[in-house]
């Protein structure tokens, strides 16, 4: 199973903490992680194997959206920072729309992500 992980700058530490808390599930279920560039860099530094794509503003969100549309990605964990402006917001909205179109679970905060992980 492939899970995409994305985190806005103010949420990257929270994403790493979340993954550390769920490390055993990720390893037991043999989850493949794919991420946007900077998030992936931090996640890799924490000891996770992750395929890094472009940074979100440079097209990484669109790359993950394409993976959703192609049926390669089965879940998206996107820790968004709703209090900041993001120049790549159209890509973010496209990703969210494609998750809905293709019925792919999408968590935009840790509480929802925890529920999805429990479902694995």
PDB file of N, CA and C in Angstrom:
ATOM      1  N   UNK A   1       0.848  -1.177   0.000  1.00  0.00           N
ATOM      2  CA  UNK A   1       0.000   0.000   0.000  1.00  0.00           C
ATOM      3  C   UNK A   1       0.889   1.234   0.000  1.00  0.00           C
ATOM      4  N   UNK A   2       0.541   2.199  -0.829  1.00  0.00           N
ATOM      5  CA  UNK A   2       1.289   3.451  -0.887  1.00  0.00           C
ATOM      6  C   UNK A   2       0.510   4.557  -0.190  1.00  0.00           C
ATOM      7  N   UNK A   3       1.195   5.242   0.715  1.00  0.00           N
ATOM      8  CA  UNK A   3       0.622   6.396   1.403  1.00  0.00           C
ATOM      9  C   UNK A   3       1.464   7.613   1.055  1.00  0.00           C
ATOM     10  N   UNK A   4       0.799   8.670   0.603  1.00  0.00           N
ATOM     11  CA  UNK A   4       1.478   9.936   0.337  1.00  0.00           C
ATOM     12  C   UNK A   4       1.445  10.780   1.600  1.00  0.00           C
ATOM     13  N   UNK A   5       2.586  11.394   1.904  1.00  0.00           N
ATOM     14  CA  UNK A   5       2.656  12.276   3.072  1.00  0.00           C
ATOM     15  C   UNK A   5       3.132  13.655   2.610  1.00  0.00           C
ATOM     16  N   UNK A   6       2.406  14.657   3.062  1.00  0.00           N
ATOM     17  CA  UNK A   6       2.694  16.043   2.723  1.00  0.00           C
ATOM     18  C   UNK A   6       2.458  16.850   3.991  1.00  0.00           C
ATOM     19  N   UNK A   7       3.290  17.848   4.219  1.00  0.00           N
ATOM     20  CA  UNK A   7       3.076  18.723   5.373  1.00  0.00           C
ATOM     21  C   UNK A   7       3.560  20.122   5.030  1.00  0.00           C
ATOM     22  N   UNK A   8       2.708  21.091   5.277  1.00  0.00           N
ATOM     23  CA  UNK A   8       3.144  22.473   5.118  1.00  0.00           C
ATOM     24  C   UNK A   8       4.258  22.754   6.124  1.00  0.00           C
ATOM     25  N   UNK A   9       5.030  23.796   5.889  1.00  0.00           N
ATOM     26  CA  UNK A   9       6.221  24.069   6.706  1.00  0.00           C
ATOM     27  C   UNK A   9       5.949  24.039   8.207  1.00  0.00           C
ATOM     28  N   UNK A  10       4.864  24.650   8.642  1.00  0.00           N
ATOM     29  CA  UNK A  10       4.556  24.699  10.062  1.00  0.00           C
ATOM     30  C   UNK A  10       4.071  23.376  10.638  1.00  0.00           C
ATOM     31  N   UNK A  11       3.908  22.370   9.794  1.00  0.00           N
ATOM     32  CA  UNK A  11       3.381  21.078  10.233  1.00  0.00           C
ATOM     33  C   UNK A  11       4.348  19.914  10.002  1.00  0.00           C
ATOM     34  N   UNK A  12       5.537  20.185   9.484  1.00  0.00           N
ATOM     35  CA  UNK A  12       6.483  19.110   9.160  1.00  0.00           C
ATOM     36  C   UNK A  12       6.933  18.345  10.407  1.00  0.00           C
ATOM     37  N   UNK A  13       7.225  19.047  11.473  1.00  0.00           N
ATOM     38  CA  UNK A  13       7.628  18.388  12.722  1.00  0.00           C
ATOM     39  C   UNK A  13       6.502  17.499  13.235  1.00  0.00           C
ATOM     40  N   UNK A  14       5.282  17.989  13.118  1.00  0.00           N
ATOM     41  CA  UNK A  14       4.116  17.217  13.551  1.00  0.00           C
ATOM     42  C   UNK A  14       3.968  15.942  12.712  1.00  0.00           C
ATOM     43  N   UNK A  15       4.276  16.028  11.421  1.00  0.00           N
ATOM     44  CA  UNK A  15       4.207  14.854  10.548  1.00  0.00           C
ATOM     45  C   UNK A  15       5.246  13.809  10.962  1.00  0.00           C
ATOM     46  N   UNK A  16       6.467  14.259  11.226  1.00  0.00           N
ATOM     47  CA  UNK A  16       7.517  13.322  11.647  1.00  0.00           C
ATOM     48  C   UNK A  16       7.122  12.660  12.961  1.00  0.00           C
ATOM     49  N   UNK A  17       6.599  13.433  13.886  1.00  0.00           N
ATOM     50  CA  UNK A  17       6.153  12.886  15.164  1.00  0.00           C
ATOM     51  C   UNK A  17       5.040  11.858  14.943  1.00  0.00           C
ATOM     52  N   UNK A  18       4.097  12.172  14.080  1.00  0.00           N
ATOM     53  CA  UNK A  18       2.997  11.255  13.771  1.00  0.00           C
ATOM     54  C   UNK A  18       3.534   9.936  13.216  1.00  0.00           C
ATOM     55  N   UNK A  19       4.449  10.023  12.270  1.00  0.00           N
ATOM     56  CA  UNK A  19       5.008   8.803  11.670  1.00  0.00           C
ATOM     57  C   UNK A  19       5.776   7.985  12.701  1.00  0.00           C
ATOM     58  N   UNK A  20       6.521   8.654  13.574  1.00  0.00           N
ATOM     59  CA  UNK A  20       7.229   7.937  14.637  1.00  0.00           C
ATOM     60  C   UNK A  20       6.259   7.200  15.552  1.00  0.00           C
ATOM     61  N   UNK A  21       5.134   7.822  15.856  1.00  0.00           N
ATOM     62  CA  UNK A  21       4.123   7.194  16.714  1.00  0.00           C
ATOM     63  C   UNK A  21       3.487   5.978  16.041  1.00  0.00           C
ATOM     64  N   UNK A  22       3.497   5.944  14.718  1.00  0.00           N
ATOM     65  CA  UNK A  22       2.859   4.855  13.968  1.00  0.00           C
ATOM     66  C   UNK A  22       3.868   3.994  13.218  1.00  0.00           C
ATOM     67  N   UNK A  23       5.114   4.071  13.616  1.00  0.00           N
ATOM     68  CA  UNK A  23       6.186   3.342  12.934  1.00  0.00           C
ATOM     69  C   UNK A  23       5.890   1.838  12.855  1.00  0.00           C
ATOM     70  N   UNK A  24       5.420   1.261  13.946  1.00  0.00           N
ATOM     71  CA  UNK A  24       5.194  -0.186  13.953  1.00  0.00           C
ATOM     72  C   UNK A  24       4.109  -0.590  12.956  1.00  0.00           C
ATOM     73  N   UNK A  25       3.056   0.193  12.834  1.00  0.00           N
ATOM     74  CA  UNK A  25       1.992  -0.106  11.861  1.00  0.00           C
ATOM     75  C   UNK A  25       2.543   0.000  10.444  1.00  0.00           C
ATOM     76  N   UNK A  26       3.306   1.055  10.194  1.00  0.00           N
ATOM     77  CA  UNK A  26       3.868   1.268   8.857  1.00  0.00           C
ATOM     78  C   UNK A  26       4.787   0.114   8.461  1.00  0.00           C
ATOM     79  N   UNK A  27       5.593  -0.350   9.406  1.00  0.00           N
ATOM     80  CA  UNK A  27       6.514  -1.446   9.114  1.00  0.00           C
ATOM     81  C   UNK A  27       5.778  -2.778   8.999  1.00  0.00           C
ATOM     82  N   UNK A  28       4.852  -3.023   9.898  1.00  0.00           N
ATOM     83  CA  UNK A  28       4.105  -4.286   9.908  1.00  0.00           C
ATOM     84  C   UNK A  28       3.287  -4.451   8.626  1.00  0.00           C
ATOM     85  N   UNK A  29       2.674  -3.388   8.176  1.00  0.00           N
ATOM     86  CA  UNK A  29       1.816  -3.442   6.987  1.00  0.00           C
ATOM     87  C   UNK A  29       2.612  -3.241   5.697  1.00  0.00           C
ATOM     88  N   UNK A  30       3.925  -3.060   5.823  1.00  0.00           N
ATOM     89  CA  UNK A  30       4.808  -2.846   4.675  1.00  0.00           C
ATOM     90  C   UNK A  30       4.306  -1.703   3.792  1.00  0.00           C
ATOM     91  N   UNK A  31       4.074  -0.562   4.430  1.00  0.00           N
ATOM     92  CA  UNK A  31       3.595   0.634   3.753  1.00  0.00           C
ATOM     93  C   UNK A  31       4.745   1.291   2.997  1.00  0.00           C
ATOM     94  N   UNK A  32       4.485   1.695   1.773  1.00  0.00           N
ATOM     95  CA  UNK A  32       5.436   2.468   0.987  1.00  0.00           C
ATOM     96  C   UNK A  32       5.055   3.933   1.128  1.00  0.00           C
ATOM     97  N   UNK A  33       6.025   4.766   1.492  1.00  0.00           N
ATOM     98  CA  UNK A  33       5.771   6.196   1.645  1.00  0.00           C
ATOM     99  C   UNK A  33       6.298   6.959   0.441  1.00  0.00           C
ATOM    100  N   UNK A  34       5.504   7.909  -0.018  1.00  0.00           N
ATOM    101  CA  UNK A  34       5.914   8.840  -1.063  1.00  0.00           C
ATOM    102  C   UNK A  34       5.577  10.232  -0.529  1.00  0.00           C
ATOM    103  N   UNK A  35       6.424  11.212  -0.829  1.00  0.00           N
ATOM    104  CA  UNK A  35       6.185  12.531  -0.253  1.00  0.00           C
ATOM    105  C   UNK A  35       6.656  13.641  -1.174  1.00  0.00           C
ATOM    106  N   UNK A  36       6.230  14.837  -0.813  1.00  0.00           N
ATOM    107  CA  UNK A  36       6.793  16.007  -1.458  1.00  0.00           C
ATOM    108  C   UNK A  36       8.211  16.191  -0.917  1.00  0.00           C
ATOM    109  N   UNK A  37       9.008  16.988  -1.606  1.00  0.00           N
ATOM    110  CA  UNK A  37      10.443  17.076  -1.360  1.00  0.00           C
ATOM    111  C   UNK A  37      10.902  17.385   0.045  1.00  0.00           C
ATOM    112  N   UNK A  38      10.498  18.523   0.580  1.00  0.00           N
ATOM    113  CA  UNK A  38      11.013  18.940   1.878  1.00  0.00           C
ATOM    114  C   UNK A  38      10.469  18.066   3.004  1.00  0.00           C
ATOM    115  N   UNK A  39       9.210  17.692   2.907  1.00  0.00           N
ATOM    116  CA  UNK A  39       8.644  16.775   3.906  1.00  0.00           C
ATOM    117  C   UNK A  39       9.421  15.468   3.889  1.00  0.00           C
ATOM    118  N   UNK A  40       9.679  14.953   2.698  1.00  0.00           N
ATOM    119  CA  UNK A  40      10.418  13.702   2.568  1.00  0.00           C
ATOM    120  C   UNK A  40      11.815  13.783   3.134  1.00  0.00           C
ATOM    121  N   UNK A  41      12.450  14.930   2.976  1.00  0.00           N
ATOM    122  CA  UNK A  41      13.801  15.124   3.511  1.00  0.00           C
ATOM    123  C   UNK A  41      13.787  14.980   5.032  1.00  0.00           C
ATOM    124  N   UNK A  42      12.807  15.585   5.683  1.00  0.00           N
ATOM    125  CA  UNK A  42      12.708  15.509   7.141  1.00  0.00           C
ATOM    126  C   UNK A  42      12.315  14.105   7.601  1.00  0.00           C
ATOM    127  N   UNK A  43      11.434  13.470   6.851  1.00  0.00           N
ATOM    128  CA  UNK A  43      10.988  12.116   7.192  1.00  0.00           C
ATOM    129  C   UNK A  43      12.135  11.130   7.017  1.00  0.00           C
ATOM    130  N   UNK A  44      12.907  11.290   5.960  1.00  0.00           N
ATOM    131  CA  UNK A  44      14.060  10.414   5.727  1.00  0.00           C
ATOM    132  C   UNK A  44      15.087  10.600   6.844  1.00  0.00           C
ATOM    133  N   UNK A  45      15.284  11.835   7.271  1.00  0.00           N
ATOM    134  CA  UNK A  45      16.230  12.121   8.355  1.00  0.00           C
ATOM    135  C   UNK A  45      15.807  11.433   9.655  1.00  0.00           C
ATOM    136  N   UNK A  46      14.497  11.218   9.815  1.00  0.00           N
ATOM    137  CA  UNK A  46      13.971  10.532  11.003  1.00  0.00           C
ATOM    138  C   UNK A  46      14.076   9.015  10.880  1.00  0.00           C
ATOM    139  N   UNK A  47      14.618   8.524   9.758  1.00  0.00           N
ATOM    140  CA  UNK A  47      14.858   7.101   9.619  1.00  0.00           C
ATOM    141  C   UNK A  47      13.840   6.329   8.802  1.00  0.00           C
ATOM    142  N   UNK A  48      12.968   7.008   8.114  1.00  0.00           N
ATOM    143  CA  UNK A  48      11.966   6.343   7.284  1.00  0.00           C
ATOM    144  C   UNK A  48      12.452   6.267   5.842  1.00  0.00           C
ATOM    145  N   UNK A  49      12.077   5.187   5.177  1.00  0.00           N
ATOM    146  CA  UNK A  49      12.342   5.078   3.743  1.00  0.00           C
ATOM    147  C   UNK A  49      11.181   5.749   3.027  1.00  0.00           C
ATOM    148  N   UNK A  50      11.494   6.699   2.160  1.00  0.00           N
ATOM    149  CA  UNK A  50      10.451   7.471   1.486  1.00  0.00           C
ATOM    150  C   UNK A  50      10.932   7.858   0.090  1.00  0.00           C
ATOM    151  N   UNK A  51      10.025   7.819  -0.856  1.00  0.00           N
ATOM    152  CA  UNK A  51      10.316   8.301  -2.204  1.00  0.00           C
ATOM    153  C   UNK A  51       9.952   9.773  -2.240  1.00  0.00           C
ATOM    154  N   UNK A  52      10.951  10.603  -2.506  1.00  0.00           N
ATOM    155  CA  UNK A  52      10.739  12.045  -2.524  1.00  0.00           C
ATOM    156  C   UNK A  52      10.447  12.529  -3.941  1.00  0.00           C
ATOM    157  N   UNK A  53       9.397  13.326  -4.057  1.00  0.00           N
ATOM    158  CA  UNK A  53       9.052  13.975  -5.317  1.00  0.00           C
ATOM    159  C   UNK A  53       9.471  15.437  -5.213  1.00  0.00           C
ATOM    160  N   UNK A  54       8.981  16.275  -6.085  1.00  0.00           N
ATOM    161  CA  UNK A  54       9.304  17.698  -6.026  1.00  0.00           C
ATOM    162  C   UNK A  54       8.704  18.341  -4.780  1.00  0.00           C
ATOM    163  N   UNK A  55       9.228  19.489  -4.422  1.00  0.00           N
ATOM    164  CA  UNK A  55       8.631  20.291  -3.356  1.00  0.00           C
ATOM    165  C   UNK A  55       7.216  20.673  -3.789  1.00  0.00           C
ATOM    166  N   UNK A  56       6.329  20.834  -2.831  1.00  0.00           N
ATOM    167  CA  UNK A  56       4.934  21.180  -3.145  1.00  0.00           C
ATOM    168  C   UNK A  56       4.772  22.355  -4.091  1.00  0.00           C
ATOM    169  N   UNK A  57       5.375  23.511  -3.781  1.00  0.00           N
ATOM    170  CA  UNK A  57       5.223  24.671  -4.657  1.00  0.00           C
ATOM    171  C   UNK A  57       5.836  24.478  -6.051  1.00  0.00           C
ATOM    172  N   UNK A  58       6.727  23.510  -6.183  1.00  0.00           N
ATOM    173  CA  UNK A  58       7.368  23.262  -7.480  1.00  0.00           C
ATOM    174  C   UNK A  58       6.694  22.143  -8.268  1.00  0.00           C
ATOM    175  N   UNK A  59       5.566  21.628  -7.757  1.00  0.00           N
ATOM    176  CA  UNK A  59       4.823  20.604  -8.479  1.00  0.00           C
ATOM    177  C   UNK A  59       4.645  19.293  -7.748  1.00  0.00           C
ATOM    178  N   UNK A  60       5.182  19.172  -6.537  1.00  0.00           N
ATOM    179  CA  UNK A  60       5.071  17.922  -5.795  1.00  0.00           C
ATOM    180  C   UNK A  60       3.640  17.532  -5.460  1.00  0.00           C
ATOM    181  N   UNK A  61       2.806  18.525  -5.117  1.00  0.00           N
ATOM    182  CA  UNK A  61       1.390  18.226  -4.836  1.00  0.00           C
ATOM    183  C   UNK A  61       0.720  17.676  -6.088  1.00  0.00           C
ATOM    184  N   UNK A  62       1.053  18.257  -7.253  1.00  0.00           N
ATOM    185  CA  UNK A  62       0.487  17.793  -8.519  1.00  0.00           C
ATOM    186  C   UNK A  62       0.980  16.386  -8.854  1.00  0.00           C
ATOM    187  N   UNK A  63       2.247  16.091  -8.532  1.00  0.00           N
ATOM    188  CA  UNK A  63       2.765  14.745  -8.777  1.00  0.00           C
ATOM    189  C   UNK A  63       2.016  13.715  -7.944  1.00  0.00           C
ATOM    190  N   UNK A  64       1.740  14.057  -6.692  1.00  0.00           N
ATOM    191  CA  UNK A  64       0.992  13.130  -5.838  1.00  0.00           C
ATOM    192  C   UNK A  64      -0.443  13.000  -6.342  1.00  0.00           C
ATOM    193  N   UNK A  65      -1.035  14.099  -6.791  1.00  0.00           N
ATOM    194  CA  UNK A  65      -2.380  14.042  -7.361  1.00  0.00           C
ATOM    195  C   UNK A  65      -2.411  13.085  -8.559  1.00  0.00           C
ATOM    196  N   UNK A  66      -1.369  13.129  -9.372  1.00  0.00           N
ATOM    197  CA  UNK A  66      -1.286  12.225 -10.523  1.00  0.00           C
ATOM    198  C   UNK A  66      -1.218  10.771 -10.065  1.00  0.00           C
ATOM    199  N   UNK A  67      -0.480  10.502  -8.992  1.00  0.00           N
ATOM    200  CA  UNK A  67      -0.376   9.129  -8.468  1.00  0.00           C
ATOM    201  C   UNK A  67      -1.747   8.646  -7.964  1.00  0.00           C
ATOM    202  N   UNK A  68      -2.504   9.568  -7.370  1.00  0.00           N
ATOM    203  CA  UNK A  68      -3.866   9.228  -6.931  1.00  0.00           C
ATOM    204  C   UNK A  68      -4.718   8.875  -8.149  1.00  0.00           C
ATOM    205  N   UNK A  69      -4.660   9.719  -9.175  1.00  0.00           N
ATOM    206  CA  UNK A  69      -5.467   9.502 -10.380  1.00  0.00           C
ATOM    207  C   UNK A  69      -5.080   8.211 -11.096  1.00  0.00           C
ATOM    208  N   UNK A  70      -3.806   7.838 -11.031  1.00  0.00           N
ATOM    209  CA  UNK A  70      -3.319   6.622 -11.693  1.00  0.00           C
ATOM    210  C   UNK A  70      -3.574   5.361 -10.871  1.00  0.00           C
ATOM    211  N   UNK A  71      -4.084   5.518  -9.652  1.00  0.00           N
ATOM    212  CA  UNK A  71      -4.356   4.369  -8.803  1.00  0.00           C
ATOM    213  C   UNK A  71      -3.140   3.833  -8.079  1.00  0.00           C
ATOM    214  N   UNK A  72      -2.049   4.582  -8.062  1.00  0.00           N
ATOM    215  CA  UNK A  72      -0.823   4.137  -7.395  1.00  0.00           C
ATOM    216  C   UNK A  72      -0.836   4.431  -5.896  1.00  0.00           C
ATOM    217  N   UNK A  73      -1.522   5.481  -5.504  1.00  0.00           N
ATOM    218  CA  UNK A  73      -1.532   5.934  -4.110  1.00  0.00           C
ATOM    219  C   UNK A  73      -2.900   5.638  -3.499  1.00  0.00           C
ATOM    220  N   UNK A  74      -2.911   4.924  -2.360  1.00  0.00           N
ATOM    221  CA  UNK A  74      -4.166   4.508  -1.738  1.00  0.00           C
ATOM    222  C   UNK A  74      -4.603   5.344  -0.532  1.00  0.00           C
ATOM    223  N   UNK A  75      -3.737   6.265  -0.084  1.00  0.00           N
ATOM    224  CA  UNK A  75      -4.088   7.120   1.049  1.00  0.00           C
ATOM    225  C   UNK A  75      -3.201   8.354   1.018  1.00  0.00           C
ATOM    226  N   UNK A  76      -3.757   9.492   1.451  1.00  0.00           N
ATOM    227  CA  UNK A  76      -2.987  10.731   1.506  1.00  0.00           C
ATOM    228  C   UNK A  76      -3.115  11.320   2.908  1.00  0.00           C
ATOM    229  N   UNK A  77      -1.963  11.601   3.511  1.00  0.00           N
ATOM    230  CA  UNK A  77      -1.908  12.311   4.789  1.00  0.00           C
ATOM    231  C   UNK A  77      -1.284  13.667   4.500  1.00  0.00           C
ATOM    232  N   UNK A  78      -2.079  14.706   4.582  1.00  0.00           N
ATOM    233  CA  UNK A  78      -1.634  16.050   4.212  1.00  0.00           C
ATOM    234  C   UNK A  78      -1.906  16.983   5.390  1.00  0.00           C
ATOM    235  N   UNK A  79      -0.882  17.204   6.198  1.00  0.00           N
ATOM    236  CA  UNK A  79      -1.032  18.088   7.349  1.00  0.00           C
ATOM    237  C   UNK A  79      -0.916  19.522   6.854  1.00  0.00           C
ATOM    238  N   UNK A  80      -2.073  20.146   6.682  1.00  0.00           N
ATOM    239  CA  UNK A  80      -2.147  21.501   6.139  1.00  0.00           C
ATOM    240  C   UNK A  80      -2.068  22.525   7.259  1.00  0.00           C
ATOM    241  N   UNK A  81      -1.536  23.670   6.929  1.00  0.00           N
ATOM    242  CA  UNK A  81      -1.517  24.798   7.861  1.00  0.00           C
ATOM    243  C   UNK A  81      -2.574  25.787   7.381  1.00  0.00           C
ATOM    244  N   UNK A  82      -3.762  25.746   7.976  1.00  0.00           N
ATOM    245  CA  UNK A  82      -4.860  26.583   7.489  1.00  0.00           C
ATOM    246  C   UNK A  82      -4.693  28.067   7.812  1.00  0.00           C
ATOM    247  N   UNK A  83      -3.714  28.408   8.621  1.00  0.00           N
ATOM    248  CA  UNK A  83      -3.533  29.807   9.018  1.00  0.00           C
ATOM    249  C   UNK A  83      -2.512  30.554   8.159  1.00  0.00           C
ATOM    250  N   UNK A  84      -1.910  29.869   7.215  1.00  0.00           N
ATOM    251  CA  UNK A  84      -0.915  30.496   6.340  1.00  0.00           C
ATOM    252  C   UNK A  84      -1.418  30.491   4.901  1.00  0.00           C
ATOM    253  N   UNK A  85      -0.937  31.467   4.115  1.00  0.00           N
ATOM    254  CA  UNK A  85      -1.235  31.490   2.679  1.00  0.00           C
ATOM    255  C   UNK A  85      -0.213  30.620   1.961  1.00  0.00           C
ATOM    256  N   UNK A  86      -0.658  29.936   0.920  1.00  0.00           N
ATOM    257  CA  UNK A  86       0.215  29.055   0.166  1.00  0.00           C
ATOM    258  C   UNK A  86       0.051  29.349  -1.323  1.00  0.00           C
ATOM    259  N   UNK A  87       1.143  29.683  -1.999  1.00  0.00           N
ATOM    260  CA  UNK A  87       1.032  30.052  -3.413  1.00  0.00           C
ATOM    261  C   UNK A  87       0.595  28.895  -4.308  1.00  0.00           C
ATOM    262  N   UNK A  88       0.751  27.680  -3.838  1.00  0.00           N
ATOM    263  CA  UNK A  88       0.375  26.508  -4.635  1.00  0.00           C
ATOM    264  C   UNK A  88      -0.990  25.951  -4.234  1.00  0.00           C
ATOM    265  N   UNK A  89      -1.840  26.794  -3.674  1.00  0.00           N
ATOM    266  CA  UNK A  89      -3.169  26.365  -3.219  1.00  0.00           C
ATOM    267  C   UNK A  89      -3.992  25.702  -4.324  1.00  0.00           C
ATOM    268  N   UNK A  90      -3.921  26.152  -5.594  1.00  0.00           N
ATOM    269  CA  UNK A  90      -4.667  25.435  -6.643  1.00  0.00           C
ATOM    270  C   UNK A  90      -4.249  23.960  -6.766  1.00  0.00           C
ATOM    271  N   UNK A  91      -2.957  23.675  -6.584  1.00  0.00           N
ATOM    272  CA  UNK A  91      -2.505  22.284  -6.624  1.00  0.00           C
ATOM    273  C   UNK A  91      -3.056  21.497  -5.436  1.00  0.00           C
ATOM    274  N   UNK A  92      -3.101  22.149  -4.287  1.00  0.00           N
ATOM    275  CA  UNK A  92      -3.638  21.504  -3.087  1.00  0.00           C
ATOM    276  C   UNK A  92      -5.109  21.150  -3.305  1.00  0.00           C
ATOM    277  N   UNK A  93      -5.872  22.097  -3.839  1.00  0.00           N
ATOM    278  CA  UNK A  93      -7.289  21.854  -4.094  1.00  0.00           C
ATOM    279  C   UNK A  93      -7.483  20.749  -5.136  1.00  0.00           C
ATOM    280  N   UNK A  94      -6.618  20.715  -6.156  1.00  0.00           N
ATOM    281  CA  UNK A  94      -6.695  19.656  -7.158  1.00  0.00           C
ATOM    282  C   UNK A  94      -6.453  18.299  -6.510  1.00  0.00           C
ATOM    283  N   UNK A  95      -5.449  18.211  -5.642  1.00  0.00           N
ATOM    284  CA  UNK A  95      -5.159  16.952  -4.956  1.00  0.00           C
ATOM    285  C   UNK A  95      -6.357  16.501  -4.128  1.00  0.00           C
ATOM    286  N   UNK A  96      -6.931  17.413  -3.387  1.00  0.00           N
ATOM    287  CA  UNK A  96      -8.084  17.074  -2.554  1.00  0.00           C
ATOM    288  C   UNK A  96      -9.267  16.630  -3.413  1.00  0.00           C
ATOM    289  N   UNK A  97      -9.491  17.308  -4.531  1.00  0.00           N
ATOM    290  CA  UNK A  97     -10.582  16.947  -5.434  1.00  0.00           C
ATOM    291  C   UNK A  97     -10.362  15.549  -6.006  1.00  0.00           C
ATOM    292  N   UNK A  98      -9.135  15.251  -6.419  1.00  0.00           N
ATOM    293  CA  UNK A  98      -8.847  13.935  -6.994  1.00  0.00           C
ATOM    294  C   UNK A  98      -8.985  12.822  -5.964  1.00  0.00           C
ATOM    295  N   UNK A  99      -8.664  13.113  -4.707  1.00  0.00           N
ATOM    296  CA  UNK A  99      -8.901  12.112  -3.659  1.00  0.00           C
ATOM    297  C   UNK A  99     -10.397  11.806  -3.563  1.00  0.00           C
ATOM    298  N   UNK A 100     -11.220  12.834  -3.667  1.00  0.00           N
ATOM    299  CA  UNK A 100     -12.669  12.625  -3.641  1.00  0.00           C
ATOM    300  C   UNK A 100     -13.143  11.875  -4.881  1.00  0.00           C
ATOM    301  N   UNK A 101     -12.659  12.276  -6.054  1.00  0.00           N
ATOM    302  CA  UNK A 101     -13.069  11.640  -7.309  1.00  0.00           C
ATOM    303  C   UNK A 101     -12.724  10.159  -7.314  1.00  0.00           C
ATOM    304  N   UNK A 102     -11.530   9.820  -6.814  1.00  0.00           N
ATOM    305  CA  UNK A 102     -11.047   8.438  -6.871  1.00  0.00           C
ATOM    306  C   UNK A 102     -11.256   7.675  -5.567  1.00  0.00           C
ATOM    307  N   UNK A 103     -12.008   8.283  -4.634  1.00  0.00           N
ATOM    308  CA  UNK A 103     -12.370   7.633  -3.373  1.00  0.00           C
ATOM    309  C   UNK A 103     -11.134   7.189  -2.598  1.00  0.00           C
ATOM    310  N   UNK A 104     -10.151   8.082  -2.513  1.00  0.00           N
ATOM    311  CA  UNK A 104      -8.912   7.819  -1.774  1.00  0.00           C
ATOM    312  C   UNK A 104      -8.993   8.554  -0.436  1.00  0.00           C
ATOM    313  N   UNK A 105      -8.813   7.843   0.678  1.00  0.00           N
ATOM    314  CA  UNK A 105      -8.871   8.499   1.985  1.00  0.00           C
ATOM    315  C   UNK A 105      -7.834   9.620   2.088  1.00  0.00           C
ATOM    316  N   UNK A 106      -8.276  10.754   2.628  1.00  0.00           N
ATOM    317  CA  UNK A 106      -7.438  11.939   2.774  1.00  0.00           C
ATOM    318  C   UNK A 106      -7.599  12.493   4.181  1.00  0.00           C
ATOM    319  N   UNK A 107      -6.482  12.607   4.898  1.00  0.00           N
ATOM    320  CA  UNK A 107      -6.490  13.226   6.227  1.00  0.00           C
ATOM    321  C   UNK A 107      -5.741  14.541   6.130  1.00  0.00           C
ATOM    322  N   UNK A 108      -6.351  15.601   6.623  1.00  0.00           N
ATOM    323  CA  UNK A 108      -5.687  16.910   6.595  1.00  0.00           C
ATOM    324  C   UNK A 108      -5.245  17.367   7.980  1.00  0.00           C
ATOM    325  N   UNK A 109      -5.369  16.482   8.960  1.00  0.00           N
ATOM    326  CA  UNK A 109      -4.922  16.810  10.311  1.00  0.00           C
ATOM    327  C   UNK A 109      -4.605  15.509  11.048  1.00  0.00           C
ATOM    328  N   UNK A 110      -3.841  15.587  12.131  1.00  0.00           N
ATOM    329  CA  UNK A 110      -3.443  14.374  12.849  1.00  0.00           C
ATOM    330  C   UNK A 110      -4.605  13.557  13.421  1.00  0.00           C
ATOM    331  N   UNK A 111      -5.671  14.206  13.847  1.00  0.00           N
ATOM    332  CA  UNK A 111      -6.795  13.459  14.421  1.00  0.00           C
ATOM    333  C   UNK A 111      -7.410  12.517  13.381  1.00  0.00           C
ATOM    334  N   UNK A 112      -7.615  13.027  12.182  1.00  0.00           N
ATOM    335  CA  UNK A 112      -8.171  12.192  11.119  1.00  0.00           C
ATOM    336  C   UNK A 112      -7.156  11.142  10.682  1.00  0.00           C
ATOM    337  N   UNK A 113      -5.892  11.521  10.606  1.00  0.00           N
ATOM    338  CA  UNK A 113      -4.854  10.578  10.220  1.00  0.00           C
ATOM    339  C   UNK A 113      -4.775   9.423  11.221  1.00  0.00           C
ATOM    340  N   UNK A 114      -4.935   9.710  12.507  1.00  0.00           N
ATOM    341  CA  UNK A 114      -4.943   8.647  13.519  1.00  0.00           C
ATOM    342  C   UNK A 114      -6.061   7.649  13.254  1.00  0.00           C
ATOM    343  N   UNK A 115      -7.252   8.145  12.904  1.00  0.00           N
ATOM    344  CA  UNK A 115      -8.370   7.250  12.610  1.00  0.00           C
ATOM    345  C   UNK A 115      -8.071   6.383  11.384  1.00  0.00           C
ATOM    346  N   UNK A 116      -7.457   6.972  10.358  1.00  0.00           N
ATOM    347  CA  UNK A 116      -7.114   6.187   9.178  1.00  0.00           C
ATOM    348  C   UNK A 116      -6.094   5.115   9.513  1.00  0.00           C
ATOM    349  N   UNK A 117      -5.106   5.438  10.338  1.00  0.00           N
ATOM    350  CA  UNK A 117      -4.100   4.455  10.711  1.00  0.00           C
ATOM    351  C   UNK A 117      -4.708   3.318  11.509  1.00  0.00           C
ATOM    352  N   UNK A 118      -5.660   3.617  12.360  1.00  0.00           N
ATOM    353  CA  UNK A 118      -6.344   2.568  13.118  1.00  0.00           C
ATOM    354  C   UNK A 118      -7.108   1.643  12.185  1.00  0.00           C
ATOM    355  N   UNK A 119      -7.581   2.179  11.058  1.00  0.00           N
ATOM    356  CA  UNK A 119      -8.309   1.380  10.095  1.00  0.00           C
ATOM    357  C   UNK A 119      -7.430   0.416   9.315  1.00  0.00           C
ATOM    358  N   UNK A 120      -6.114   0.600   9.365  1.00  0.00           N
ATOM    359  CA  UNK A 120      -5.217  -0.310   8.667  1.00  0.00           C
ATOM    360  C   UNK A 120      -5.105  -1.610   9.438  1.00  0.00           C
TER     361      UNK A 120
END
